[in-house]
C-alpha atoms as a PDB file:
ATOM      1  CA  MET A   1      -5.190   8.472   8.413  1.00  0.00           C
ATOM      2  CA  LYS A   2      -8.474   9.141   6.422  1.00  0.00           C
ATOM      3  CA  LEU A   3     -10.046   6.639   4.642  1.00  0.00           C
ATOM      4  CA  ILE A   4     -12.423   6.901   1.721  1.00  0.00           C
ATOM      5  CA  LEU A   5     -13.969   3.777   0.581  1.00  0.00           C
ATOM      6  CA  HIS A   6     -16.076   3.658  -2.750  1.00  0.00           C
ATOM      7  CA  THR A   7     -17.893   0.222  -3.817  1.00  0.00           C
ATOM      8  CA  HIS A   8     -19.284  -0.180  -7.288  1.00  0.00           C
ATOM      9  CA  ASN A   9     -21.851  -2.961  -7.443  1.00  0.00           C
ATOM     10  CA  VAL A  10     -21.009  -4.245  -4.391  1.00  0.00           C
ATOM     11  CA  THR A  11     -23.165  -4.246  -1.276  1.00  0.00           C
ATOM     12  CA  LEU A  12     -20.877  -2.563   1.758  1.00  0.00           C
ATOM     13  CA  THR A  13     -21.548  -5.264   4.837  1.00  0.00           C
ATOM     14  CA  LYS A  14     -19.723  -4.582   7.955  1.00  0.00           C
ATOM     15  CA  ALA A  15     -17.580  -7.930   7.844  1.00  0.00           C
ATOM     16  CA  ILE A  16     -16.046  -6.189   4.203  1.00  0.00           C
ATOM     17  CA  GLU A  17     -15.568  -2.719   6.094  1.00  0.00           C
ATOM     18  CA  ASP A  18     -14.082  -4.711   9.076  1.00  0.00           C
ATOM     19  CA  HIS A  19     -11.684  -6.696   6.614  1.00  0.00           C
ATOM     20  CA  VAL A  20     -10.665  -3.492   4.753  1.00  0.00           C
ATOM     21  CA  MET A  21      -9.954  -1.826   8.637  1.00  0.00           C
ATOM     22  CA  ALA A  22      -7.844  -4.383   9.635  1.00  0.00           C
ATOM     23  CA  LYS A  23      -5.511  -4.649   6.341  1.00  0.00           C
ATOM     24  CA  LEU A  24      -5.072  -0.657   6.521  1.00  0.00           C
ATOM     25  CA  GLU A  25      -4.212  -0.691  10.496  1.00  0.00           C
ATOM     26  CA  ARG A  26      -1.290  -3.122   8.965  1.00  0.00           C
ATOM     27  CA  VAL A  27      -0.469  -0.837   6.259  1.00  0.00           C
ATOM     28  CA  GLU A  28      -0.238   1.871   8.593  1.00  0.00           C
ATOM     29  CA  HIS A  29       1.711   0.452  11.154  1.00  0.00           C
ATOM     30  CA  LEU A  30       4.596  -0.055   8.637  1.00  0.00           C
ATOM     31  CA  ASP A  31       4.252   4.114   7.600  1.00  0.00           C
ATOM     32  CA  GLN A  32       2.640   6.335  10.011  1.00  0.00           C
ATOM     33  CA  ARG A  33       2.900   9.151   7.666  1.00  0.00           C
ATOM     34  CA  ILE A  34       0.038   8.122   5.392  1.00  0.00           C
ATOM     35  CA  ILE A  35      -2.455  10.717   4.871  1.00  0.00           C
ATOM     36  CA  ASP A  36      -5.457   8.730   3.692  1.00  0.00           C
ATOM     37  CA  ALA A  37      -6.557   6.010   1.921  1.00  0.00           C
ATOM     38  CA  ARG A  38      -8.758   5.271  -1.258  1.00  0.00           C
ATOM     39  CA  VAL A  39     -10.135   2.017  -1.506  1.00  0.00           C
ATOM     40  CA  THR A  40     -12.176   1.422  -4.473  1.00  0.00           C
ATOM     41  CA  LEU A  41     -14.357  -2.480  -4.227  1.00  0.00           C
ATOM     42  CA  GLU A  42     -16.008  -3.229  -7.810  1.00  0.00           C
ATOM     43  CA  HIS A  43     -18.092  -6.306  -8.745  1.00  0.00           C
ATOM     44  CA  ASP A  44     -18.237  -6.647 -12.537  1.00  0.00           C
ATOM     45  CA  HIS A  45     -20.662  -9.371 -13.545  1.00  0.00           C
ATOM     46  CA  LYS A  46     -19.646  -9.295 -17.676  1.00  0.00           C
ATOM     47  CA  ARG A  47     -15.765 -10.454 -16.862  1.00  0.00           C
ATOM     48  CA  LEU A  48     -15.244 -14.276 -16.581  1.00  0.00           C
ATOM     49  CA  PRO A  49     -15.768 -15.218 -12.980  1.00  0.00           C
ATOM     50  CA  LYS A  50     -11.961 -15.626 -12.142  1.00  0.00           C
ATOM     51  CA  ASN A  51     -11.946 -11.744 -12.156  1.00  0.00           C
ATOM     52  CA  GLN A  52     -15.184 -10.763 -11.501  1.00  0.00           C
ATOM     53  CA  PHE A  53     -14.009  -8.731  -8.072  1.00  0.00           C
ATOM     54  CA  SER A  54     -11.441  -5.618  -8.121  1.00  0.00           C
ATOM     55  CA  CYS A  55      -9.574  -4.091  -5.555  1.00  0.00           C
ATOM     56  CA  SER A  56      -7.782  -0.758  -5.607  1.00  0.00           C
ATOM     57  CA  LEU A  57      -6.066   1.053  -3.147  1.00  0.00           C
ATOM     58  CA  ARG A  58      -4.242   4.401  -3.046  1.00  0.00           C
ATOM     59  CA  LEU A  59      -2.413   5.878  -0.454  1.00  0.00           C
ATOM     60  CA  SER A  60      -1.331   9.574  -0.250  1.00  0.00           C
ATOM     61  CA  VAL A  61       2.137   9.818   1.129  1.00  0.00           C
ATOM     62  CA  ARG A  62       4.651  12.640   0.864  1.00  0.00           C
ATOM     63  CA  GLY A  63       5.820  11.670  -2.496  1.00  0.00           C
ATOM     64  CA  PRO A  64       4.349   9.835  -4.915  1.00  0.00           C
ATOM     65  CA  ASP A  65       1.368   8.170  -4.289  1.00  0.00           C
ATOM     66  CA  LEU A  66       1.446   4.316  -3.987  1.00  0.00           C
ATOM     67  CA  PHE A  67      -1.179   2.322  -5.995  1.00  0.00           C
ATOM     68  CA  ALA A  68      -2.136  -1.396  -5.993  1.00  0.00           C
ATOM     69  CA  GLU A  69      -5.117  -2.966  -7.717  1.00  0.00           C
ATOM     70  CA  ASP A  70      -5.956  -6.523  -8.352  1.00  0.00           C
ATOM     71  CA  ARG A  71      -8.916  -8.565  -9.874  1.00  0.00           C
ATOM     72  CA  GLU A  72      -9.971 -12.120  -8.351  1.00  0.00           C
ATOM     73  CA  GLU A  73     -12.835 -14.260  -7.921  1.00  0.00           C
ATOM     74  CA  ASP A  74     -13.305 -13.610  -4.215  1.00  0.00           C
ATOM     75  CA  LEU A  75     -13.594 -10.106  -3.218  1.00  0.00           C
ATOM     76  CA  TYR A  76     -11.576 -10.694   0.240  1.00  0.00           C
ATOM     77  CA  ALA A  77      -8.896 -12.340  -1.944  1.00  0.00           C
ATOM     78  CA  ALA A  78      -8.790  -9.159  -4.064  1.00  0.00           C
ATOM     79  CA  ILE A  79      -8.250  -6.925  -0.669  1.00  0.00           C
ATOM     80  CA  ASP A  80      -5.803  -9.301   0.591  1.00  0.00           C
ATOM     81  CA  ILE A  81      -3.234  -9.269  -2.350  1.00  0.00           C
ATOM     82  CA  VAL A  82      -3.958  -5.617  -2.699  1.00  0.00           C
ATOM     83  CA  SER A  83      -2.590  -5.041   0.732  1.00  0.00           C
ATOM     84  CA  LYS A  84       0.510  -7.278   0.319  1.00  0.00           C
ATOM     85  CA  LYS A  85       1.600  -5.446  -3.084  1.00  0.00           C
ATOM     86  CA  ILE A  86       1.387  -2.076  -0.981  1.00  0.00           C
ATOM     87  CA  GLU A  87       3.114  -3.436   2.002  1.00  0.00           C
ATOM     88  CA  GLN A  88       5.837  -4.460  -1.046  1.00  0.00           C
ATOM     89  CA  GLN A  89       6.041  -0.621  -1.824  1.00  0.00           C
ATOM     90  CA  ILE A  90       6.191   0.759   1.577  1.00  0.00           C
ATOM     91  CA  ARG A  91       9.076  -1.592   2.102  1.00  0.00           C
ATOM     92  CA  LYS A  92      11.130  -0.813  -0.872  1.00  0.00           C
ATOM     93  CA  ARG A  93      10.410   2.895  -0.560  1.00  0.00           C
ATOM     94  CA  HIS A  94      11.893   2.719   3.265  1.00  0.00           C
ATOM     95  CA  ASN A  95      14.753   0.158   2.144  1.00  0.00           C
ATOM     96  CA  LYS A  96      15.944   2.857  -0.689  1.00  0.00           C
ATOM     97  CA  SER A  97      15.516   5.820   1.561  1.00  0.00           C
ATOM     98  CA  LYS A  98      17.686   3.807   4.281  1.00  0.00           C
ATOM     99  CA  SER A  99      20.078   2.726   1.797  1.00  0.00           C
ATOM    100  CA  ARG A 100      20.568   6.276   0.511  1.00  0.00           C
ATOM    101  CA  HIS A 101      21.348   7.417   4.083  1.00  0.00           C
ATOM    102  CA  HIS A 102      23.702   4.780   4.231  1.00  0.00           C
ATOM    103  CA  THR A 103      25.574   5.396   1.615  1.00  0.00           C
ATOM    104  CA  GLU A 104      25.891   8.796   2.456  1.00  0.00           C
ATOM    105  CA  ALA A 105      27.322   8.339   5.913  1.00  0.00           C
ATOM    106  CA  ALA A 106      29.884   5.957   3.855  1.00  0.00           C
ATOM    107  CA  LYS A 107      31.321   8.909   1.827  1.00  0.00           C
ATOM    108  CA  ASN A 108      31.480  11.246   4.889  1.00  0.00           C
ATOM    109  CA  LYS A 109      33.297   8.570   6.976  1.00  0.00           C
ATOM    110  CA  GLU A 110      35.991   8.025   4.031  1.00  0.00           C
ATOM    111  CA  LYS A 111      36.311  11.632   3.536  1.00  0.00           C
ATOM    112  CA  LEU A 112      37.151  12.385   7.262  1.00  0.00           C
ATOM    113  CA  LYS A 113      39.239   8.940   7.188  1.00  0.00           C
ATOM    114  CA  ASP A 114      41.168  10.637   4.413  1.00  0.00           C
ATOM    115  CA  ARG A 115      42.080  13.582   6.162  1.00  0.00           C
ATOM    116  CA  GLY A 116      43.180  12.116   8.918  1.00  0.00           C
ATOM    117  CA  VAL A 117      40.535  12.780  11.544  1.00  0.00           C
END
């Protein structure tokens, strides 16, 4: 997985980079077919203090890309929430795919049963 990390009005420290990498490793564990991850960290001092930091994450995968964004008072909290949102989207996509295969298998089983096989 390729990582593209953008910052706006945020100094990228080693601690922030490590935190983002740790969260992305967890996301990559859920889906190994991720092509790249684009992370944007932003600080907007003109907003209310509770919405000053924003984090957005776009995962390029086969099919529609996954995207999540959040604004928080703390940058680390924003990163945590965005990674949880992406994990939920990955799980939803996986479960949807899995249930589709199960329903197809059940239909095929019924067809075989009707034929008397």
